[in-house]
Amino acid sequence: QVQLVESGGASVQPGGSLRLSCAASGFSFRTYTMSWYRQAPGKEREKVASIAAVVPGQIWYADSVKGRFIISRDNARNMVYLQMNNLKPEDTAVYSCSVLIPPPRFWGQGTQVAVPS
């Protein structure tokens, strides 16, 4: 049974940093690309970052977070991380980690990040 459990969300002032974590289980973690998505109130879910199965591997960032966010993974611990720096109010959203075990795509329950303006 695939499980993804996020943690690390909080309220932080603009310019601050947070590190989100996602603990994965129930599948061969080191085999799959892992992704972070976010959904802000009233907006569609958007992909934030992804990291390929093999480290070092292909990493992708949305333009809106490029240069501020860093995705990483620890295949020995079945963990994926999202280091978020220089946070802005527009980063406020529920952040979820996700894996495509093709198909379907699995999601965690999400963790809330709030950056007040």
C-alpha atoms as a PDB file:
ATOM      1  CA  GLN A   1       0.000   0.000   0.000  1.00  0.00           C
ATOM      2  CA  VAL A   2       1.525   3.278  -1.158  1.00  0.00           C
ATOM      3  CA  GLN A   3       1.808   5.872   1.588  1.00  0.00           C
ATOM      4  CA  LEU A   4       3.193   9.389   1.404  1.00  0.00           C
ATOM      5  CA  VAL A   5       3.312  11.442   4.598  1.00  0.00           C
ATOM      6  CA  GLU A   6       4.386  15.065   4.478  1.00  0.00           C
ATOM      7  CA  SER A   7       5.585  17.186   7.364  1.00  0.00           C
ATOM      8  CA  GLY A   8       7.284  20.485   8.023  1.00  0.00           C
ATOM      9  CA  GLY A   9       4.642  22.980   7.004  1.00  0.00           C
ATOM     10  CA  ALA A  10       4.253  26.118   9.113  1.00  0.00           C
ATOM     11  CA  SER A  11       3.572  29.816   9.046  1.00  0.00           C
ATOM     12  CA  VAL A  12       6.697  31.797   8.266  1.00  0.00           C
ATOM     13  CA  GLN A  13       7.430  35.446   7.562  1.00  0.00           C
ATOM     14  CA  PRO A  14       8.349  36.568   4.064  1.00  0.00           C
ATOM     15  CA  GLY A  15      11.995  35.885   3.383  1.00  0.00           C
ATOM     16  CA  GLY A  16      12.036  32.951   5.738  1.00  0.00           C
ATOM     17  CA  SER A  17      12.818  29.310   5.068  1.00  0.00           C
ATOM     18  CA  LEU A  18      11.136  25.958   5.611  1.00  0.00           C
ATOM     19  CA  ARG A  19      12.097  22.394   4.910  1.00  0.00           C
ATOM     20  CA  LEU A  20       9.330  20.020   3.970  1.00  0.00           C
ATOM     21  CA  SER A  21       9.760  16.269   4.294  1.00  0.00           C
ATOM     22  CA  CYS A  22       7.886  13.384   2.744  1.00  0.00           C
ATOM     23  CA  ALA A  23       8.167   9.852   4.051  1.00  0.00           C
ATOM     24  CA  ALA A  24       7.338   7.234   1.436  1.00  0.00           C
ATOM     25  CA  SER A  25       6.457   3.583   1.860  1.00  0.00           C
ATOM     26  CA  GLY A  26       4.730   0.724   0.089  1.00  0.00           C
ATOM     27  CA  PHE A  27       6.638   0.886  -3.182  1.00  0.00           C
ATOM     28  CA  SER A  28      10.169   0.667  -4.523  1.00  0.00           C
ATOM     29  CA  PHE A  29      11.072   4.258  -3.691  1.00  0.00           C
ATOM     30  CA  ARG A  30      14.431   4.316  -5.418  1.00  0.00           C
ATOM     31  CA  THR A  31      12.793   3.358  -8.704  1.00  0.00           C
ATOM     32  CA  TYR A  32      10.497   6.338  -9.147  1.00  0.00           C
ATOM     33  CA  THR A  33      10.640  10.046  -9.792  1.00  0.00           C
ATOM     34  CA  MET A  34       9.265  12.001  -6.845  1.00  0.00           C
ATOM     35  CA  SER A  35       7.500  15.327  -7.113  1.00  0.00           C
ATOM     36  CA  TRP A  36       6.214  18.152  -4.973  1.00  0.00           C
ATOM     37  CA  TYR A  37       2.989  19.921  -5.881  1.00  0.00           C
ATOM     38  CA  ARG A  38       1.139  22.768  -4.237  1.00  0.00           C
ATOM     39  CA  GLN A  39      -2.387  24.093  -4.253  1.00  0.00           C
ATOM     40  CA  ALA A  40      -3.226  27.592  -3.150  1.00  0.00           C
ATOM     41  CA  PRO A  41      -6.754  28.587  -2.108  1.00  0.00           C
ATOM     42  CA  GLY A  42      -8.956  29.011  -5.148  1.00  0.00           C
ATOM     43  CA  LYS A  43      -6.234  27.904  -7.548  1.00  0.00           C
ATOM     44  CA  GLU A  44      -5.424  24.742  -9.423  1.00  0.00           C
ATOM     45  CA  ARG A  45      -2.778  22.374  -8.170  1.00  0.00           C
ATOM     46  CA  GLU A  46       0.615  23.103  -9.696  1.00  0.00           C
ATOM     47  CA  LYS A  47       3.804  21.122  -9.897  1.00  0.00           C
ATOM     48  CA  VAL A  48       6.651  22.725  -7.969  1.00  0.00           C
ATOM     49  CA  ALA A  49       9.612  20.388  -8.372  1.00  0.00           C
ATOM     50  CA  SER A  50      10.569  16.854  -9.281  1.00  0.00           C
ATOM     51  CA  ILE A  51      13.629  14.665  -8.873  1.00  0.00           C
ATOM     52  CA  ALA A  52      14.490  11.564 -10.839  1.00  0.00           C
ATOM     53  CA  ALA A  53      14.992   8.170  -9.237  1.00  0.00           C
ATOM     54  CA  VAL A  54      18.741   8.029  -9.532  1.00  0.00           C
ATOM     55  CA  VAL A  55      20.825  10.559  -7.611  1.00  0.00           C
ATOM     56  CA  PRO A  56      22.304  12.667  -9.052  1.00  0.00           C
ATOM     57  CA  GLY A  57      19.522  12.777 -11.553  1.00  0.00           C
ATOM     58  CA  GLN A  58      17.293  15.038 -13.489  1.00  0.00           C
ATOM     59  CA  ILE A  59      15.727  17.786 -11.408  1.00  0.00           C
ATOM     60  CA  TRP A  60      12.991  20.131 -12.540  1.00  0.00           C
ATOM     61  CA  TYR A  61      11.621  23.306 -10.958  1.00  0.00           C
ATOM     62  CA  ALA A  62       8.718  25.533 -11.760  1.00  0.00           C
ATOM     63  CA  ASP A  63       9.884  28.966 -12.868  1.00  0.00           C
ATOM     64  CA  SER A  64       8.143  30.506  -9.867  1.00  0.00           C
ATOM     65  CA  VAL A  65      10.429  28.693  -7.408  1.00  0.00           C
ATOM     66  CA  LYS A  66      13.630  28.317  -9.405  1.00  0.00           C
ATOM     67  CA  GLY A  67      16.596  29.632  -7.432  1.00  0.00           C
ATOM     68  CA  ARG A  68      14.671  29.562  -4.141  1.00  0.00           C
ATOM     69  CA  PHE A  69      13.576  25.937  -3.662  1.00  0.00           C
ATOM     70  CA  ILE A  70      15.750  22.827  -3.617  1.00  0.00           C
ATOM     71  CA  ILE A  71      14.386  19.311  -3.965  1.00  0.00           C
ATOM     72  CA  SER A  72      16.401  16.360  -2.728  1.00  0.00           C
ATOM     73  CA  ARG A  73      15.921  12.723  -1.848  1.00  0.00           C
ATOM     74  CA  ASP A  74      17.458  10.072   0.371  1.00  0.00           C
ATOM     75  CA  ASN A  75      16.906   6.691  -1.220  1.00  0.00           C
ATOM     76  CA  ALA A  76      18.278   4.893   1.855  1.00  0.00           C
ATOM     77  CA  ARG A  77      15.565   6.435   4.021  1.00  0.00           C
ATOM     78  CA  ASN A  78      12.758   6.634   1.461  1.00  0.00           C
ATOM     79  CA  MET A  79      12.530  10.387   1.993  1.00  0.00           C
ATOM     80  CA  VAL A  80      12.102  13.344  -0.305  1.00  0.00           C
ATOM     81  CA  TYR A  81      12.637  16.929   0.825  1.00  0.00           C
ATOM     82  CA  LEU A  82      11.813  20.414  -0.326  1.00  0.00           C
ATOM     83  CA  GLN A  83      14.016  23.173   1.039  1.00  0.00           C
ATOM     84  CA  MET A  84      12.186  26.460   0.545  1.00  0.00           C
ATOM     85  CA  ASN A  85      14.136  29.688   0.901  1.00  0.00           C
ATOM     86  CA  ASN A  86      13.191  33.333   0.526  1.00  0.00           C
ATOM     87  CA  LEU A  87       9.537  32.483   0.915  1.00  0.00           C
ATOM     88  CA  LYS A  88       6.962  34.851  -0.512  1.00  0.00           C
ATOM     89  CA  PRO A  89       3.253  35.323   0.227  1.00  0.00           C
ATOM     90  CA  GLU A  90       2.464  33.715  -3.125  1.00  0.00           C
ATOM     91  CA  ASP A  91       4.078  30.505  -1.856  1.00  0.00           C
ATOM     92  CA  THR A  92       1.173  30.056   0.553  1.00  0.00           C
ATOM     93  CA  ALA A  93      -0.416  26.704  -0.280  1.00  0.00           C
ATOM     94  CA  VAL A  94      -0.888  23.109   0.754  1.00  0.00           C
ATOM     95  CA  TYR A  95       2.190  21.221  -0.389  1.00  0.00           C
ATOM     96  CA  SER A  96       1.941  17.541  -1.301  1.00  0.00           C
ATOM     97  CA  CYS A  97       4.445  15.006  -2.419  1.00  0.00           C
ATOM     98  CA  SER A  98       3.486  12.670  -5.191  1.00  0.00           C
ATOM     99  CA  VAL A  99       4.621   9.645  -7.120  1.00  0.00           C
ATOM    100  CA  LEU A 100       3.408   8.337 -10.440  1.00  0.00           C
ATOM    101  CA  ILE A 101       3.373   4.561 -10.405  1.00  0.00           C
ATOM    102  CA  PRO A 102       2.130   4.722 -13.871  1.00  0.00           C
ATOM    103  CA  PRO A 103      -0.772   5.113 -13.446  1.00  0.00           C
ATOM    104  CA  PRO A 104      -2.221   6.099 -11.034  1.00  0.00           C
ATOM    105  CA  ARG A 105      -0.576   9.017  -9.352  1.00  0.00           C
ATOM    106  CA  PHE A 106      -0.463   8.823  -5.564  1.00  0.00           C
ATOM    107  CA  TRP A 107      -0.628  11.802  -3.204  1.00  0.00           C
ATOM    108  CA  GLY A 108       0.099  12.529   0.397  1.00  0.00           C
ATOM    109  CA  GLN A 109      -2.337  14.377   2.616  1.00  0.00           C
ATOM    110  CA  GLY A 110      -0.377  17.602   2.283  1.00  0.00           C
ATOM    111  CA  THR A 111       1.196  20.067   4.664  1.00  0.00           C
ATOM    112  CA  GLN A 112       0.185  23.717   4.957  1.00  0.00           C
ATOM    113  CA  VAL A 113       2.648  26.510   4.290  1.00  0.00           C
ATOM    114  CA  ALA A 114       1.531  30.039   5.089  1.00  0.00           C
ATOM    115  CA  VAL A 115       3.509  33.173   4.283  1.00  0.00           C
ATOM    116  CA  PRO A 116       1.539  36.212   5.420  1.00  0.00           C
ATOM    117  CA  SER A 117       1.782  39.365   3.376  1.00  0.00           C
END
